């Protein structure tokens, strides 16, 4: 008998634990020429704001020996244009989540309210790793009280959608995760890109972007993600956790599930292999069968010491 790859997140059941991550899967069906978008368990769109954003000037991506540093600046067409292109993705994907971000607390609620009225969206991923312009640029995700307020408002504004809070890199305490889960989040994404920078020897300047810094993703952050997921699972045994950071193959996906994740987002690998989502889902059955794993629920957290 083949292993059961389904994942019950409470607000939706996925056919398998592989999710195409926000930031790398586009705003619509951009990856459709490379893979069958119905094969991954879910697709999360690139972050959407109320108004269009042009993002940061080039260079916005910088390759390292084991990943990418990006300083995209949350470029997106805004909610109105996005909603016009969304039906194409909904018609192809099995499950769709929409990543949102705001410059103020009220913008998060406004976006959630707009999306609550849209058919074909199963959940909203709330990215709190953004600066609060009302508070001098403090990142929402560094303040548990703001995370609590944003989560609560999004939960109220979108009662028919799952609410997933994407937290900043976890180093130390669990206050932000606790704030999200206690305020109505159905799940949390653990976590986000790691602050990083490099030096361009040809120009003698810090890169990427005009600020000379960005967020590191790819294989370099994978062990950090494994540890972060383990920490969150131990702190919140009943939480639904989406792992995000560095997974590039079926073994990585299974490792993160065994560390405590319910499902795993893949992102940076799709720049090298746009069909990675389909490939990884195809590899999972043989891998779990070889290891004698009956189901994803049985594997979840199995590597954590008792």
C-alpha atoms as a PDB file:
ATOM      1  CA  UNK A   1       0.000   0.000   0.000  1.00  0.00           C
ATOM      2  CA  UNK A   2       1.348   3.437  -0.907  1.00  0.00           C
ATOM      3  CA  UNK A   3       1.907   6.032   1.804  1.00  0.00           C
ATOM      4  CA  UNK A   4      -0.740   8.649   2.522  1.00  0.00           C
ATOM      5  CA  UNK A   5       0.731  11.991   1.416  1.00  0.00           C
ATOM      6  CA  UNK A   6      -2.313  14.089   2.320  1.00  0.00           C
ATOM      7  CA  UNK A   7      -1.991  16.899   4.844  1.00  0.00           C
ATOM      8  CA  UNK A   8      -4.903  18.180   6.926  1.00  0.00           C
ATOM      9  CA  UNK A   9      -4.311  21.829   7.802  1.00  0.00           C
ATOM     10  CA  UNK A  10      -7.746  22.242   9.357  1.00  0.00           C
ATOM     11  CA  UNK A  11      -8.909  24.933   6.946  1.00  0.00           C
ATOM     12  CA  UNK A  12      -7.975  22.848   3.883  1.00  0.00           C
ATOM     13  CA  UNK A  13      -6.664  19.374   3.049  1.00  0.00           C
ATOM     14  CA  UNK A  14      -3.672  19.188   0.704  1.00  0.00           C
ATOM     15  CA  UNK A  15      -3.071  16.200  -1.578  1.00  0.00           C
ATOM     16  CA  UNK A  16       0.610  16.316  -0.598  1.00  0.00           C
ATOM     17  CA  UNK A  17       2.889  18.452   1.620  1.00  0.00           C
ATOM     18  CA  UNK A  18       4.661  20.406  -1.168  1.00  0.00           C
ATOM     19  CA  UNK A  19       3.730  24.086  -1.508  1.00  0.00           C
ATOM     20  CA  UNK A  20       5.123  26.552  -4.042  1.00  0.00           C
ATOM     21  CA  UNK A  21       6.303  29.466  -1.900  1.00  0.00           C
ATOM     22  CA  UNK A  22       5.343  33.096  -2.116  1.00  0.00           C
ATOM     23  CA  UNK A  23       7.912  35.270  -3.857  1.00  0.00           C
ATOM     24  CA  UNK A  24       8.958  32.606  -6.336  1.00  0.00           C
ATOM     25  CA  UNK A  25       5.701  31.295  -7.837  1.00  0.00           C
ATOM     26  CA  UNK A  26       4.590  34.594  -9.386  1.00  0.00           C
ATOM     27  CA  UNK A  27       1.282  36.434  -9.078  1.00  0.00           C
ATOM     28  CA  UNK A  28      -0.680  34.138 -11.384  1.00  0.00           C
ATOM     29  CA  UNK A  29       0.111  31.056 -13.493  1.00  0.00           C
ATOM     30  CA  UNK A  30       3.640  32.033 -14.596  1.00  0.00           C
ATOM     31  CA  UNK A  31       4.977  28.528 -13.881  1.00  0.00           C
ATOM     32  CA  UNK A  32       2.291  26.779 -15.943  1.00  0.00           C
ATOM     33  CA  UNK A  33       4.547  26.359 -19.031  1.00  0.00           C
ATOM     34  CA  UNK A  34       6.997  24.329 -16.915  1.00  0.00           C
ATOM     35  CA  UNK A  35       4.802  22.098 -14.774  1.00  0.00           C
ATOM     36  CA  UNK A  36       1.280  20.949 -14.006  1.00  0.00           C
ATOM     37  CA  UNK A  37       0.181  23.444 -11.337  1.00  0.00           C
ATOM     38  CA  UNK A  38      -2.382  20.991  -9.954  1.00  0.00           C
ATOM     39  CA  UNK A  39       0.353  18.622  -8.744  1.00  0.00           C
ATOM     40  CA  UNK A  40       1.804  20.552  -5.746  1.00  0.00           C
ATOM     41  CA  UNK A  41      -0.383  20.543  -2.675  1.00  0.00           C
ATOM     42  CA  UNK A  42      -0.790  24.329  -2.896  1.00  0.00           C
ATOM     43  CA  UNK A  43       0.568  27.488  -4.500  1.00  0.00           C
ATOM     44  CA  UNK A  44       1.070  30.757  -2.613  1.00  0.00           C
ATOM     45  CA  UNK A  45       1.195  33.860  -4.765  1.00  0.00           C
ATOM     46  CA  UNK A  46       3.844  36.550  -4.553  1.00  0.00           C
ATOM     47  CA  UNK A  47       3.056  39.217  -1.951  1.00  0.00           C
ATOM     48  CA  UNK A  48       0.223  41.639  -2.724  1.00  0.00           C
ATOM     49  CA  UNK A  49      -0.351  45.140  -1.350  1.00  0.00           C
ATOM     50  CA  UNK A  50      -3.253  47.562  -1.678  1.00  0.00           C
ATOM     51  CA  UNK A  51      -1.381  49.743  -4.164  1.00  0.00           C
ATOM     52  CA  UNK A  52       1.205  48.858  -6.844  1.00  0.00           C
ATOM     53  CA  UNK A  53       4.875  48.868  -5.849  1.00  0.00           C
ATOM     54  CA  UNK A  54       7.771  49.180  -8.269  1.00  0.00           C
ATOM     55  CA  UNK A  55      10.253  47.601  -5.881  1.00  0.00           C
ATOM     56  CA  UNK A  56      13.922  48.413  -5.461  1.00  0.00           C
ATOM     57  CA  UNK A  57      16.353  49.419  -8.228  1.00  0.00           C
ATOM     58  CA  UNK A  58      18.786  46.824  -9.625  1.00  0.00           C
ATOM     59  CA  UNK A  59      20.763  44.861  -8.645  1.00  0.00           C
ATOM     60  CA  UNK A  60      17.981  43.218  -6.646  1.00  0.00           C
ATOM     61  CA  UNK A  61      19.274  39.622  -6.608  1.00  0.00           C
ATOM     62  CA  UNK A  62      22.781  38.516  -5.701  1.00  0.00           C
ATOM     63  CA  UNK A  63      23.952  34.926  -6.051  1.00  0.00           C
ATOM     64  CA  UNK A  64      26.074  33.395  -3.298  1.00  0.00           C
ATOM     65  CA  UNK A  65      27.869  30.056  -3.157  1.00  0.00           C
ATOM     66  CA  UNK A  66      24.868  28.434  -1.497  1.00  0.00           C
ATOM     67  CA  UNK A  67      21.828  30.585  -2.166  1.00  0.00           C
ATOM     68  CA  UNK A  68      20.442  33.955  -3.202  1.00  0.00           C
ATOM     69  CA  UNK A  69      20.265  37.317  -1.469  1.00  0.00           C
ATOM     70  CA  UNK A  70      17.264  39.269  -2.674  1.00  0.00           C
ATOM     71  CA  UNK A  71      16.281  42.888  -2.235  1.00  0.00           C
ATOM     72  CA  UNK A  72      13.231  42.945  -4.498  1.00  0.00           C
ATOM     73  CA  UNK A  73      11.336  45.491  -2.439  1.00  0.00           C
ATOM     74  CA  UNK A  74       7.996  43.642  -2.568  1.00  0.00           C
ATOM     75  CA  UNK A  75       7.279  44.590  -6.167  1.00  0.00           C
ATOM     76  CA  UNK A  76       3.690  43.828  -7.143  1.00  0.00           C
ATOM     77  CA  UNK A  77       0.847  45.213  -9.294  1.00  0.00           C
ATOM     78  CA  UNK A  78      -1.524  45.926  -6.398  1.00  0.00           C
ATOM     79  CA  UNK A  79      -4.705  44.133  -5.371  1.00  0.00           C
ATOM     80  CA  UNK A  80      -6.937  45.390  -8.213  1.00  0.00           C
ATOM     81  CA  UNK A  81      -4.697  44.173 -11.051  1.00  0.00           C
ATOM     82  CA  UNK A  82      -3.891  40.983  -9.133  1.00  0.00           C
ATOM     83  CA  UNK A  83      -7.534  40.002  -8.781  1.00  0.00           C
ATOM     84  CA  UNK A  84      -8.024  40.308 -12.532  1.00  0.00           C
ATOM     85  CA  UNK A  85      -5.233  37.774 -13.195  1.00  0.00           C
ATOM     86  CA  UNK A  86      -6.116  35.384 -10.352  1.00  0.00           C
ATOM     87  CA  UNK A  87      -8.805  33.286 -12.139  1.00  0.00           C
ATOM     88  CA  UNK A  88      -6.196  31.814 -14.476  1.00  0.00           C
ATOM     89  CA  UNK A  89      -4.229  30.443 -11.514  1.00  0.00           C
ATOM     90  CA  UNK A  90      -7.341  29.233  -9.671  1.00  0.00           C
ATOM     91  CA  UNK A  91      -8.372  27.228 -12.725  1.00  0.00           C
ATOM     92  CA  UNK A  92      -5.046  25.371 -12.765  1.00  0.00           C
ATOM     93  CA  UNK A  93      -3.922  24.956  -9.144  1.00  0.00           C
ATOM     94  CA  UNK A  94      -5.309  22.511  -6.612  1.00  0.00           C
ATOM     95  CA  UNK A  95      -5.184  24.949  -3.666  1.00  0.00           C
ATOM     96  CA  UNK A  96      -4.358  28.670  -3.778  1.00  0.00           C
ATOM     97  CA  UNK A  97      -3.073  30.870  -0.970  1.00  0.00           C
ATOM     98  CA  UNK A  98      -2.453  34.608  -1.312  1.00  0.00           C
ATOM     99  CA  UNK A  99       0.409  36.339   0.485  1.00  0.00           C
ATOM    100  CA  UNK A 100      -0.356  39.864   1.687  1.00  0.00           C
ATOM    101  CA  UNK A 101       1.556  42.700   3.329  1.00  0.00           C
ATOM    102  CA  UNK A 102       0.774  46.240   4.414  1.00  0.00           C
ATOM    103  CA  UNK A 103       2.502  49.435   5.445  1.00  0.00           C
ATOM    104  CA  UNK A 104      -0.054  49.976   8.231  1.00  0.00           C
ATOM    105  CA  UNK A 105      -2.151  47.680  10.395  1.00  0.00           C
ATOM    106  CA  UNK A 106      -5.344  48.794   8.676  1.00  0.00           C
ATOM    107  CA  UNK A 107      -3.974  47.867   5.230  1.00  0.00           C
ATOM    108  CA  UNK A 108      -3.649  44.226   6.291  1.00  0.00           C
ATOM    109  CA  UNK A 109      -7.297  44.182   7.330  1.00  0.00           C
ATOM    110  CA  UNK A 110      -8.392  45.891   4.105  1.00  0.00           C
ATOM    111  CA  UNK A 111      -6.571  43.299   1.996  1.00  0.00           C
ATOM    112  CA  UNK A 112      -7.983  40.394   3.992  1.00  0.00           C
ATOM    113  CA  UNK A 113     -11.487  41.833   3.590  1.00  0.00           C
ATOM    114  CA  UNK A 114     -11.079  42.086  -0.179  1.00  0.00           C
ATOM    115  CA  UNK A 115      -9.788  38.523  -0.455  1.00  0.00           C
ATOM    116  CA  UNK A 116     -12.529  37.089   1.758  1.00  0.00           C
ATOM    117  CA  UNK A 117     -14.969  37.851  -1.053  1.00  0.00           C
ATOM    118  CA  UNK A 118     -12.968  36.003  -3.718  1.00  0.00           C
ATOM    119  CA  UNK A 119     -13.826  32.415  -4.656  1.00  0.00           C
ATOM    120  CA  UNK A 120     -10.977  29.990  -5.259  1.00  0.00           C
ATOM    121  CA  UNK A 121      -8.707  31.256  -2.488  1.00  0.00           C
ATOM    122  CA  UNK A 122      -8.321  28.808   0.395  1.00  0.00           C
ATOM    123  CA  UNK A 123      -6.084  30.830   2.688  1.00  0.00           C
ATOM    124  CA  UNK A 124      -4.287  34.120   3.224  1.00  0.00           C
ATOM    125  CA  UNK A 125      -0.620  34.147   4.199  1.00  0.00           C
ATOM    126  CA  UNK A 126      -0.004  37.292   6.261  1.00  0.00           C
ATOM    127  CA  UNK A 127       3.599  38.463   5.904  1.00  0.00           C
ATOM    128  CA  UNK A 128       4.507  40.428   9.035  1.00  0.00           C
ATOM    129  CA  UNK A 129       8.158  40.877   8.034  1.00  0.00           C
ATOM    130  CA  UNK A 130       7.441  44.392   6.756  1.00  0.00           C
ATOM    131  CA  UNK A 131       8.126  47.901   8.090  1.00  0.00           C
ATOM    132  CA  UNK A 132       5.337  49.781   9.861  1.00  0.00           C
ATOM    133  CA  UNK A 133       5.428  53.275   8.344  1.00  0.00           C
ATOM    134  CA  UNK A 134       3.228  54.604  11.174  1.00  0.00           C
ATOM    135  CA  UNK A 135       5.867  53.613  13.728  1.00  0.00           C
ATOM    136  CA  UNK A 136       9.050  54.851  12.087  1.00  0.00           C
ATOM    137  CA  UNK A 137       9.768  51.703  10.087  1.00  0.00           C
ATOM    138  CA  UNK A 138       9.713  49.175  12.930  1.00  0.00           C
ATOM    139  CA  UNK A 139       9.064  45.717  11.511  1.00  0.00           C
ATOM    140  CA  UNK A 140       5.642  44.396  12.456  1.00  0.00           C
ATOM    141  CA  UNK A 141       7.045  40.949  13.107  1.00  0.00           C
ATOM    142  CA  UNK A 142       9.434  42.216  15.784  1.00  0.00           C
ATOM    143  CA  UNK A 143       6.537  43.393  17.948  1.00  0.00           C
ATOM    144  CA  UNK A 144       4.262  40.654  19.333  1.00  0.00           C
ATOM    145  CA  UNK A 145       1.541  43.182  20.151  1.00  0.00           C
ATOM    146  CA  UNK A 146       1.381  44.341  16.514  1.00  0.00           C
ATOM    147  CA  UNK A 147       1.373  40.729  15.283  1.00  0.00           C
ATOM    148  CA  UNK A 148      -1.488  40.015  17.654  1.00  0.00           C
ATOM    149  CA  UNK A 149      -3.440  43.016  16.353  1.00  0.00           C
ATOM    150  CA  UNK A 150      -2.811  42.236  12.671  1.00  0.00           C
ATOM    151  CA  UNK A 151      -3.737  38.578  13.090  1.00  0.00           C
ATOM    152  CA  UNK A 152      -6.919  39.407  14.980  1.00  0.00           C
ATOM    153  CA  UNK A 153      -8.027  41.979  12.380  1.00  0.00           C
ATOM    154  CA  UNK A 154      -7.304  39.625   9.461  1.00  0.00           C
ATOM    155  CA  UNK A 155      -9.205  36.841  11.200  1.00  0.00           C
ATOM    156  CA  UNK A 156     -12.213  39.116  11.622  1.00  0.00           C
ATOM    157  CA  UNK A 157     -11.964  40.479   8.082  1.00  0.00           C
ATOM    158  CA  UNK A 158     -11.681  37.068   6.397  1.00  0.00           C
ATOM    159  CA  UNK A 159     -13.811  34.577   8.346  1.00  0.00           C
ATOM    160  CA  UNK A 160     -14.177  32.265   5.341  1.00  0.00           C
ATOM    161  CA  UNK A 161     -10.423  31.905   4.678  1.00  0.00           C
ATOM    162  CA  UNK A 162      -7.600  30.191   6.490  1.00  0.00           C
ATOM    163  CA  UNK A 163      -5.202  32.683   8.114  1.00  0.00           C
ATOM    164  CA  UNK A 164      -1.504  31.772   8.009  1.00  0.00           C
ATOM    165  CA  UNK A 165       1.003  34.162   9.595  1.00  0.00           C
ATOM    166  CA  UNK A 166       4.480  34.212   8.055  1.00  0.00           C
ATOM    167  CA  UNK A 167       6.843  35.103  10.883  1.00  0.00           C
ATOM    168  CA  UNK A 168      10.344  36.623  10.668  1.00  0.00           C
ATOM    169  CA  UNK A 169      13.415  34.417  11.162  1.00  0.00           C
ATOM    170  CA  UNK A 170      13.139  32.747  14.553  1.00  0.00           C
ATOM    171  CA  UNK A 171      16.111  33.424  16.774  1.00  0.00           C
ATOM    172  CA  UNK A 172      15.388  33.048  20.441  1.00  0.00           C
ATOM    173  CA  UNK A 173      11.894  33.362  21.889  1.00  0.00           C
ATOM    174  CA  UNK A 174       8.512  32.257  20.613  1.00  0.00           C
ATOM    175  CA  UNK A 175       6.616  35.476  21.452  1.00  0.00           C
ATOM    176  CA  UNK A 176       5.663  36.294  17.859  1.00  0.00           C
ATOM    177  CA  UNK A 177       4.457  32.770  17.120  1.00  0.00           C
ATOM    178  CA  UNK A 178       2.454  32.731  20.329  1.00  0.00           C
ATOM    179  CA  UNK A 179       0.902  36.103  19.489  1.00  0.00           C
ATOM    180  CA  UNK A 180      -0.209  34.875  16.068  1.00  0.00           C
ATOM    181  CA  UNK A 181      -1.585  31.548  17.256  1.00  0.00           C
ATOM    182  CA  UNK A 182      -3.423  33.094  20.204  1.00  0.00           C
ATOM    183  CA  UNK A 183      -5.043  35.724  17.973  1.00  0.00           C
ATOM    184  CA  UNK A 184      -6.708  33.512  15.414  1.00  0.00           C
ATOM    185  CA  UNK A 185      -4.003  32.210  13.097  1.00  0.00           C
ATOM    186  CA  UNK A 186      -4.825  28.770  11.727  1.00  0.00           C
ATOM    187  CA  UNK A 187      -1.156  28.125  10.946  1.00  0.00           C
ATOM    188  CA  UNK A 188       2.225  29.827  10.874  1.00  0.00           C
ATOM    189  CA  UNK A 189       4.913  29.840   8.199  1.00  0.00           C
ATOM    190  CA  UNK A 190       8.369  29.280   9.685  1.00  0.00           C
ATOM    191  CA  UNK A 191       9.978  31.386   8.615  1.00  0.00           C
ATOM    192  CA  UNK A 192      11.339  34.025   6.210  1.00  0.00           C
ATOM    193  CA  UNK A 193      14.614  34.982   4.521  1.00  0.00           C
ATOM    194  CA  UNK A 194      17.644  35.644   6.755  1.00  0.00           C
ATOM    195  CA  UNK A 195      19.165  39.172   6.776  1.00  0.00           C
ATOM    196  CA  UNK A 196      22.362  39.048   4.713  1.00  0.00           C
ATOM    197  CA  UNK A 197      24.742  41.030   2.520  1.00  0.00           C
ATOM    198  CA  UNK A 198      27.783  40.618   0.294  1.00  0.00           C
ATOM    199  CA  UNK A 199      30.452  42.787  -1.305  1.00  0.00           C
ATOM    200  CA  UNK A 200      30.748  43.354  -5.052  1.00  0.00           C
ATOM    201  CA  UNK A 201      34.503  43.534  -5.642  1.00  0.00           C
ATOM    202  CA  UNK A 202      34.062  45.144  -9.052  1.00  0.00           C
ATOM    203  CA  UNK A 203      32.270  48.162  -7.576  1.00  0.00           C
ATOM    204  CA  UNK A 204      33.629  47.996  -4.051  1.00  0.00           C
ATOM    205  CA  UNK A 205      30.101  48.287  -2.663  1.00  0.00           C
ATOM    206  CA  UNK A 206      27.790  46.280  -0.462  1.00  0.00           C
ATOM    207  CA  UNK A 207      25.081  44.395  -2.340  1.00  0.00           C
ATOM    208  CA  UNK A 208      22.298  43.783  -3.210  1.00  0.00           C
ATOM    209  CA  UNK A 209      20.180  46.861  -3.769  1.00  0.00           C
ATOM    210  CA  UNK A 210      20.899  50.465  -2.932  1.00  0.00           C
ATOM    211  CA  UNK A 211      20.808  49.628   0.783  1.00  0.00           C
ATOM    212  CA  UNK A 212      23.461  46.930   0.343  1.00  0.00           C
ATOM    213  CA  UNK A 213      21.532  44.214   2.113  1.00  0.00           C
ATOM    214  CA  UNK A 214      18.705  41.763   1.573  1.00  0.00           C
ATOM    215  CA  UNK A 215      17.302  38.383   2.556  1.00  0.00           C
ATOM    216  CA  UNK A 216      19.179  35.108   2.114  1.00  0.00           C
ATOM    217  CA  UNK A 217      17.320  32.054   0.822  1.00  0.00           C
ATOM    218  CA  UNK A 218      18.325  28.703  -0.634  1.00  0.00           C
ATOM    219  CA  UNK A 219      20.374  25.736   0.673  1.00  0.00           C
ATOM    220  CA  UNK A 220      22.384  27.869   3.116  1.00  0.00           C
ATOM    221  CA  UNK A 221      19.345  28.477   5.304  1.00  0.00           C
ATOM    222  CA  UNK A 222      17.990  24.908   5.299  1.00  0.00           C
ATOM    223  CA  UNK A 223      19.561  23.789   8.632  1.00  0.00           C
ATOM    224  CA  UNK A 224      18.342  27.018  10.235  1.00  0.00           C
ATOM    225  CA  UNK A 225      14.824  26.248   9.058  1.00  0.00           C
ATOM    226  CA  UNK A 226      15.013  22.690  10.401  1.00  0.00           C
ATOM    227  CA  UNK A 227      15.982  24.023  13.819  1.00  0.00           C
ATOM    228  CA  UNK A 228      13.331  26.758  13.775  1.00  0.00           C
ATOM    229  CA  UNK A 229      10.596  24.275  12.879  1.00  0.00           C
ATOM    230  CA  UNK A 230      11.723  21.957  15.664  1.00  0.00           C
ATOM    231  CA  UNK A 231      11.618  24.858  18.158  1.00  0.00           C
ATOM    232  CA  UNK A 232       8.108  25.877  17.156  1.00  0.00           C
ATOM    233  CA  UNK A 233       6.793  22.299  17.194  1.00  0.00           C
ATOM    234  CA  UNK A 234       8.178  21.738  20.679  1.00  0.00           C
ATOM    235  CA  UNK A 235       6.749  25.025  21.941  1.00  0.00           C
ATOM    236  CA  UNK A 236       3.334  24.561  20.290  1.00  0.00           C
ATOM    237  CA  UNK A 237       2.631  20.833  19.849  1.00  0.00           C
ATOM    238  CA  UNK A 238      -0.825  21.403  18.367  1.00  0.00           C
ATOM    239  CA  UNK A 239       0.085  24.150  15.881  1.00  0.00           C
ATOM    240  CA  UNK A 240      -0.102  23.813  12.118  1.00  0.00           C
ATOM    241  CA  UNK A 241       3.332  24.689  10.692  1.00  0.00           C
ATOM    242  CA  UNK A 242       4.363  25.440   7.120  1.00  0.00           C
ATOM    243  CA  UNK A 243       8.157  25.236   6.813  1.00  0.00           C
ATOM    244  CA  UNK A 244       9.857  27.687   4.487  1.00  0.00           C
ATOM    245  CA  UNK A 245      13.558  27.991   3.809  1.00  0.00           C
ATOM    246  CA  UNK A 246      16.057  26.014   1.773  1.00  0.00           C
ATOM    247  CA  UNK A 247      14.166  22.866   0.751  1.00  0.00           C
ATOM    248  CA  UNK A 248      15.259  21.734  -2.716  1.00  0.00           C
ATOM    249  CA  UNK A 249      14.286  18.059  -2.940  1.00  0.00           C
ATOM    250  CA  UNK A 250      12.089  15.331  -1.526  1.00  0.00           C
ATOM    251  CA  UNK A 251      14.610  14.467   1.195  1.00  0.00           C
ATOM    252  CA  UNK A 252      14.579  18.075   2.403  1.00  0.00           C
ATOM    253  CA  UNK A 253      10.773  18.069   2.491  1.00  0.00           C
ATOM    254  CA  UNK A 254      10.702  14.875   4.529  1.00  0.00           C
ATOM    255  CA  UNK A 255      13.385  16.142   6.928  1.00  0.00           C
ATOM    256  CA  UNK A 256      11.359  19.255   7.669  1.00  0.00           C
ATOM    257  CA  UNK A 257       8.223  17.183   8.260  1.00  0.00           C
ATOM    258  CA  UNK A 258      10.146  14.904  10.606  1.00  0.00           C
ATOM    259  CA  UNK A 259      11.375  18.047  12.391  1.00  0.00           C
ATOM    260  CA  UNK A 260       7.762  19.057  12.983  1.00  0.00           C
ATOM    261  CA  UNK A 261       6.339  20.720   9.865  1.00  0.00           C
ATOM    262  CA  UNK A 262       2.923  19.837   8.465  1.00  0.00           C
ATOM    263  CA  UNK A 263       3.808  21.012   4.954  1.00  0.00           C
ATOM    264  CA  UNK A 264       6.850  22.479   3.230  1.00  0.00           C
ATOM    265  CA  UNK A 265       7.220  25.454   0.929  1.00  0.00           C
ATOM    266  CA  UNK A 266       9.793  25.361  -1.853  1.00  0.00           C
ATOM    267  CA  UNK A 267      11.018  28.551  -3.461  1.00  0.00           C
ATOM    268  CA  UNK A 268      14.570  29.390  -4.506  1.00  0.00           C
ATOM    269  CA  UNK A 269      15.060  25.980  -6.148  1.00  0.00           C
ATOM    270  CA  UNK A 270      12.434  26.913  -8.742  1.00  0.00           C
ATOM    271  CA  UNK A 271      14.826  29.501 -10.195  1.00  0.00           C
ATOM    272  CA  UNK A 272      17.137  26.627 -11.123  1.00  0.00           C
ATOM    273  CA  UNK A 273      14.380  24.128 -11.889  1.00  0.00           C
ATOM    274  CA  UNK A 274      10.968  25.696 -12.626  1.00  0.00           C
ATOM    275  CA  UNK A 275       9.417  22.220 -12.520  1.00  0.00           C
ATOM    276  CA  UNK A 276      10.817  21.465  -9.055  1.00  0.00           C
ATOM    277  CA  UNK A 277       7.367  21.286  -7.463  1.00  0.00           C
ATOM    278  CA  UNK A 278       6.230  18.526  -9.783  1.00  0.00           C
ATOM    279  CA  UNK A 279       9.567  16.719  -9.501  1.00  0.00           C
ATOM    280  CA  UNK A 280       9.571  16.714  -5.703  1.00  0.00           C
ATOM    281  CA  UNK A 281       5.989  15.467  -5.439  1.00  0.00           C
ATOM    282  CA  UNK A 282       6.918  12.682  -7.853  1.00  0.00           C
ATOM    283  CA  UNK A 283       9.918  11.668  -5.732  1.00  0.00           C
ATOM    284  CA  UNK A 284       8.101  11.514  -2.396  1.00  0.00           C
ATOM    285  CA  UNK A 285       6.183   8.200  -2.728  1.00  0.00           C
ATOM    286  CA  UNK A 286       9.294   6.116  -3.387  1.00  0.00           C
ATOM    287  CA  UNK A 287      11.225   7.854  -0.613  1.00  0.00           C
ATOM    288  CA  UNK A 288       8.616   7.397   2.109  1.00  0.00           C
ATOM    289  CA  UNK A 289       7.936   3.813   1.027  1.00  0.00           C
ATOM    290  CA  UNK A 290      11.646   3.000   1.224  1.00  0.00           C
ATOM    291  CA  UNK A 291      11.778   4.443   4.745  1.00  0.00           C
ATOM    292  CA  UNK A 292       8.634   2.598   5.841  1.00  0.00           C
ATOM    293  CA  UNK A 293       6.594   5.738   6.464  1.00  0.00           C
ATOM    294  CA  UNK A 294       2.824   5.217   6.272  1.00  0.00           C
ATOM    295  CA  UNK A 295       1.647   8.830   6.293  1.00  0.00           C
ATOM    296  CA  UNK A 296       2.725  12.441   6.622  1.00  0.00           C
ATOM    297  CA  UNK A 297       0.958  12.693   9.965  1.00  0.00           C
ATOM    298  CA  UNK A 298       2.984   9.742  11.265  1.00  0.00           C
ATOM    299  CA  UNK A 299       6.222  11.328  10.072  1.00  0.00           C
ATOM    300  CA  UNK A 300       5.493  14.773  11.517  1.00  0.00           C
ATOM    301  CA  UNK A 301       7.841  15.497  14.414  1.00  0.00           C
ATOM    302  CA  UNK A 302       9.133  11.925  14.500  1.00  0.00           C
ATOM    303  CA  UNK A 303      12.776  13.042  14.599  1.00  0.00           C
ATOM    304  CA  UNK A 304      12.332  15.234  17.687  1.00  0.00           C
ATOM    305  CA  UNK A 305      13.852  13.590  20.786  1.00  0.00           C
ATOM    306  CA  UNK A 306      11.253  12.481  23.317  1.00  0.00           C
END
